[in-house]
Amino acid sequence: MNIVHFLCTEIDFMGTIERKAREKEELKALILKAARKLFVEKGIGQTTIRNIADSIDYSIGTVYVYFRDKNEILHALHTQGFVDLGGQLKVLFNVKDPMERLKAMGKVYITYGLNNPEMYDLMFILKAPMEFLETIQKDEWDEGKASFDSLRTTVKQCMDAGHFKGHKLDPLCFLIWSCIHGMCSLEIGSRTKNANIKNPENIVTDAYDEFLIIISNL
């Protein structure tokens, strides 16, 4: 075999490997896209591996090649959700004033949650993604850690600028997160419409405005 033929063979071989890797990633993305669509349409509890396989015209076995079970699919989608939300929060670090950034972060978080209720439920309420972490013996929740660190960094900068005097960093961050999460969860769970609240269609926005007044005075 001459050197030219050898190099051509090597190039073809590498090209085949790259093509197969690309096709694998494309099929994996197709499975996740189909799963997300079905979760929105049918609900997470009513979606099965068979539903997902049927929707993309592949066998159940093909889906299992890429994901060991439904929980792994849920975890992969949950990770996508955090990438989306994290990207939106990251942009806000262009806001130099940490207090203004903190206020904007809450609005972005609420908007994301209310516009993506099924994804929010998957990211912050369902146990399945956490159960998957247990099956692979992973102790840290990387996605949640990254989001909390964004909040923590901003609150720390607020403290350095003279806000929140007398308060402890991590408990305060958890309190802020919990308050905003509670607003989203109650609205997504349709609890606000049946609680004898005046103007329930605006209650999350109005409540967040009240929350901002409180933290601005701390």
Protein backbone atom coordinates (compact mmCIF):
# COMPACT_ATOMS: atom_id res chain seq x y z
CA MET A 1 0.00 0.00 0.00
CA ASN A 2 1.52 3.34 -1.01
CA ILE A 3 1.46 6.37 1.28
CA VAL A 4 -1.27 8.16 -0.66
CA HIS A 5 -3.59 5.18 -0.50
CA PHE A 6 -2.81 4.73 3.20
CA LEU A 7 -3.63 8.37 3.98
CA CYS A 8 -6.86 8.20 1.98
CA THR A 9 -7.89 5.07 3.89
CA GLU A 10 -7.14 6.76 7.21
CA ILE A 11 -9.15 9.82 6.20
CA ASP A 12 -12.11 7.66 5.18
CA PHE A 13 -11.90 5.75 8.47
CA MET A 14 -11.83 8.93 10.56
CA GLY A 15 -14.64 10.36 8.48
CA THR A 16 -16.77 7.28 9.18
CA ILE A 17 -16.12 7.54 12.93
CA GLU A 18 -17.07 11.23 12.96
CA ARG A 19 -20.19 10.56 10.91
CA LYS A 20 -21.33 7.77 13.23
CA ALA A 21 -20.68 9.94 16.29
CA ARG A 22 -22.68 12.77 14.72
CA GLU A 23 -25.56 10.43 13.82
CA LYS A 24 -25.54 9.08 17.38
CA GLU A 25 -25.82 12.57 18.85
CA GLU A 26 -28.54 13.50 16.36
CA LEU A 27 -30.62 10.46 17.29
CA LYS A 28 -30.12 11.15 20.99
CA ALA A 29 -31.29 14.73 20.46
CA LEU A 30 -34.28 13.45 18.48
CA ILE A 31 -35.29 11.17 21.36
CA LEU A 32 -35.06 14.04 23.85
CA LYS A 33 -37.02 16.38 21.58
CA ALA A 34 -39.79 13.80 21.21
CA ALA A 35 -39.83 13.11 24.94
CA ARG A 36 -40.11 16.80 25.79
CA LYS A 37 -42.99 17.23 23.32
CA LEU A 38 -44.85 14.25 24.78
CA PHE A 39 -44.27 15.43 28.36
CA VAL A 40 -45.94 18.72 27.47
CA GLU A 41 -48.81 17.12 25.56
CA LYS A 42 -49.52 14.04 27.69
CA GLY A 43 -47.87 14.86 30.99
CA ILE A 44 -44.71 13.32 32.37
CA GLY A 45 -46.53 10.55 34.23
CA GLN A 46 -48.41 9.40 31.13
CA THR A 47 -45.40 9.32 28.82
CA THR A 48 -43.64 5.98 28.37
CA ILE A 49 -40.55 4.76 26.56
CA ARG A 50 -42.88 3.12 24.04
CA ASN A 51 -44.66 6.42 23.41
CA ILE A 52 -41.34 8.09 22.75
CA ALA A 53 -40.10 5.32 20.44
CA ASP A 54 -43.38 5.28 18.47
CA SER A 55 -43.32 9.06 18.01
CA ILE A 56 -39.94 8.91 16.21
CA ASP A 57 -40.61 5.60 14.38
CA TYR A 58 -37.85 3.70 16.15
CA SER A 59 -37.97 0.56 18.26
CA ILE A 60 -38.03 0.63 22.05
CA GLY A 61 -34.67 -1.12 21.95
CA THR A 62 -33.15 1.82 20.08
CA VAL A 63 -34.25 4.21 22.81
CA TYR A 64 -32.73 1.91 25.44
CA VAL A 65 -29.40 2.02 23.59
CA TYR A 66 -29.17 5.71 24.49
CA PHE A 67 -31.05 5.86 27.79
CA ARG A 68 -31.24 3.13 30.42
CA ASP A 69 -34.72 4.18 31.59
CA LYS A 70 -37.23 7.02 31.73
CA ASN A 71 -35.46 8.63 34.68
CA GLU A 72 -32.31 9.07 32.62
CA ILE A 73 -34.36 10.78 29.90
CA LEU A 74 -35.94 13.00 32.53
CA HIS A 75 -32.52 13.87 33.89
CA ALA A 76 -31.17 14.72 30.43
CA LEU A 77 -34.15 17.02 29.79
CA HIS A 78 -33.79 18.50 33.26
CA THR A 79 -30.16 19.30 32.39
CA GLN A 80 -31.28 20.99 29.16
CA GLY A 81 -33.68 23.12 31.17
CA PHE A 82 -30.91 24.29 33.47
CA VAL A 83 -28.70 25.11 30.48
CA ASP A 84 -31.51 27.29 29.09
CA LEU A 85 -32.25 29.01 32.38
CA GLY A 86 -28.58 29.30 33.31
CA GLY A 87 -27.83 30.97 29.98
CA GLN A 88 -30.49 33.59 30.62
CA LEU A 89 -29.21 34.25 34.12
CA LYS A 90 -25.61 34.45 32.92
CA VAL A 91 -26.48 37.30 30.55
CA LEU A 92 -27.59 39.33 33.57
CA PHE A 93 -24.03 39.47 34.87
CA ASN A 94 -23.59 42.30 32.38
CA VAL A 95 -25.65 44.31 34.89
CA LYS A 96 -22.98 45.85 37.14
CA ASP A 97 -25.25 46.86 40.05
CA PRO A 98 -25.72 43.58 41.98
CA MET A 99 -29.03 44.64 43.54
CA GLU A 100 -30.51 45.47 40.13
CA ARG A 101 -29.12 42.18 38.83
CA LEU A 102 -30.72 40.31 41.73
CA LYS A 103 -34.10 41.87 40.97
CA ALA A 104 -33.76 40.99 37.29
CA MET A 105 -32.74 37.41 38.10
CA GLY A 106 -35.98 36.87 39.96
CA LYS A 107 -38.02 38.15 37.04
CA VAL A 108 -36.15 35.92 34.60
CA TYR A 109 -36.64 32.91 36.88
CA ILE A 110 -40.38 33.55 37.23
CA THR A 111 -40.85 34.16 33.51
CA TYR A 112 -39.00 30.96 32.65
CA GLY A 113 -41.04 28.93 35.13
CA LEU A 114 -44.43 30.24 34.06
CA ASN A 115 -43.62 29.94 30.36
CA ASN A 116 -42.27 26.39 30.77
CA PRO A 117 -44.41 24.77 33.48
CA GLU A 118 -43.69 21.15 32.54
CA MET A 119 -39.96 21.81 32.38
CA TYR A 120 -40.06 23.73 35.66
CA ASP A 121 -41.87 20.83 37.29
CA LEU A 122 -39.15 18.50 36.00
CA MET A 123 -36.32 20.77 37.12
CA PHE A 124 -37.48 21.64 40.61
CA ILE A 125 -40.31 19.38 41.78
CA LEU A 126 -40.17 15.83 40.37
CA LYS A 127 -37.90 13.37 42.16
CA ALA A 128 -37.01 11.35 39.05
CA PRO A 129 -33.91 13.35 38.00
CA MET A 130 -32.56 13.13 41.55
CA GLU A 131 -33.31 9.41 41.66
CA PHE A 132 -31.22 9.01 38.50
CA LEU A 133 -28.28 10.69 40.23
CA GLU A 134 -28.63 8.15 43.04
CA THR A 135 -28.50 5.24 40.57
CA ILE A 136 -25.19 6.47 39.16
CA GLN A 137 -23.94 7.21 42.69
CA LYS A 138 -23.40 10.89 42.01
CA ASP A 139 -23.51 13.00 45.16
CA GLU A 140 -23.61 16.51 43.70
CA TRP A 141 -26.46 18.13 41.77
CA ASP A 142 -24.29 20.06 39.31
CA GLU A 143 -27.14 21.90 37.60
CA GLY A 144 -28.68 23.09 40.84
CA LYS A 145 -25.26 24.00 42.21
CA ALA A 146 -24.51 26.22 39.20
CA SER A 147 -27.83 28.05 39.49
CA PHE A 148 -27.45 28.53 43.24
CA ASP A 149 -23.89 29.79 42.75
CA SER A 150 -25.18 32.48 40.37
CA LEU A 151 -27.59 33.63 43.05
CA ARG A 152 -24.98 33.31 45.78
CA THR A 153 -22.42 35.38 43.87
CA THR A 154 -24.95 38.15 43.28
CA VAL A 155 -26.16 38.24 46.89
CA LYS A 156 -22.56 38.27 48.12
CA GLN A 157 -21.86 41.26 45.88
CA CYS A 158 -24.98 42.95 47.29
CA MET A 159 -23.62 42.39 50.79
CA ASP A 160 -20.23 43.79 49.79
CA ALA A 161 -22.04 46.87 48.48
CA GLY A 162 -23.71 47.42 51.87
CA HIS A 163 -27.02 45.59 51.48
CA PHE A 164 -28.43 42.87 53.76
CA LYS A 165 -26.47 43.91 56.84
CA GLY A 166 -26.73 41.42 59.68
CA HIS A 167 -27.84 38.57 57.41
CA LYS A 168 -26.08 35.27 56.66
CA LEU A 169 -25.23 34.57 53.03
CA ASP A 170 -26.40 31.01 52.38
CA PRO A 171 -29.57 31.12 54.49
CA LEU A 172 -30.54 34.40 52.83
CA CYS A 173 -29.91 32.96 49.36
CA PHE A 174 -32.03 29.94 50.21
CA LEU A 175 -34.80 32.21 51.52
CA ILE A 176 -34.80 34.26 48.31
CA TRP A 177 -34.84 31.13 46.15
CA SER A 178 -37.59 29.55 48.26
CA CYS A 179 -39.85 32.60 48.04
CA ILE A 180 -39.59 32.88 44.28
CA HIS A 181 -39.87 29.11 43.82
CA GLY A 182 -43.01 29.13 45.96
CA MET A 183 -44.64 31.77 43.77
CA CYS A 184 -43.88 29.76 40.63
CA SER A 185 -44.99 26.45 42.13
CA LEU A 186 -48.30 27.78 43.42
CA GLU A 187 -49.10 29.40 40.09
CA ILE A 188 -48.03 26.38 38.01
CA GLY A 189 -50.04 24.10 40.30
CA SER A 190 -53.17 26.27 39.73
CA ARG A 191 -53.37 27.02 43.45
CA THR A 192 -53.64 30.79 43.03
CA LYS A 193 -56.89 30.61 41.06
CA ASN A 194 -58.77 28.86 43.86
CA ALA A 195 -57.50 30.62 46.95
CA ASN A 196 -59.91 33.57 47.05
CA ILE A 197 -57.13 35.92 45.92
CA LYS A 198 -58.15 39.15 44.23
CA ASN A 199 -56.79 39.49 40.70
CA PRO A 200 -55.19 36.03 40.66
CA GLU A 201 -54.05 36.56 37.06
CA ASN A 202 -51.61 39.21 38.29
CA ILE A 203 -50.79 37.82 41.72
CA VAL A 204 -47.31 36.49 40.89
CA THR A 205 -46.19 39.79 39.36
CA ASP A 206 -47.76 41.80 42.18
CA ALA A 207 -46.30 39.50 44.84
CA TYR A 208 -42.85 39.76 43.31
CA ASP A 209 -43.10 43.56 43.41
CA GLU A 210 -43.91 43.28 47.12
CA PHE A 211 -40.96 40.93 47.57
CA LEU A 212 -38.64 43.47 45.93
CA ILE A 213 -39.79 46.16 48.36
CA ILE A 214 -38.96 43.85 51.27
CA ILE A 215 -35.46 42.92 50.10
CA SER A 216 -34.69 46.51 49.12
CA ASN A 217 -35.25 47.52 52.74
CA LEU A 218 -33.04 44.82 54.25
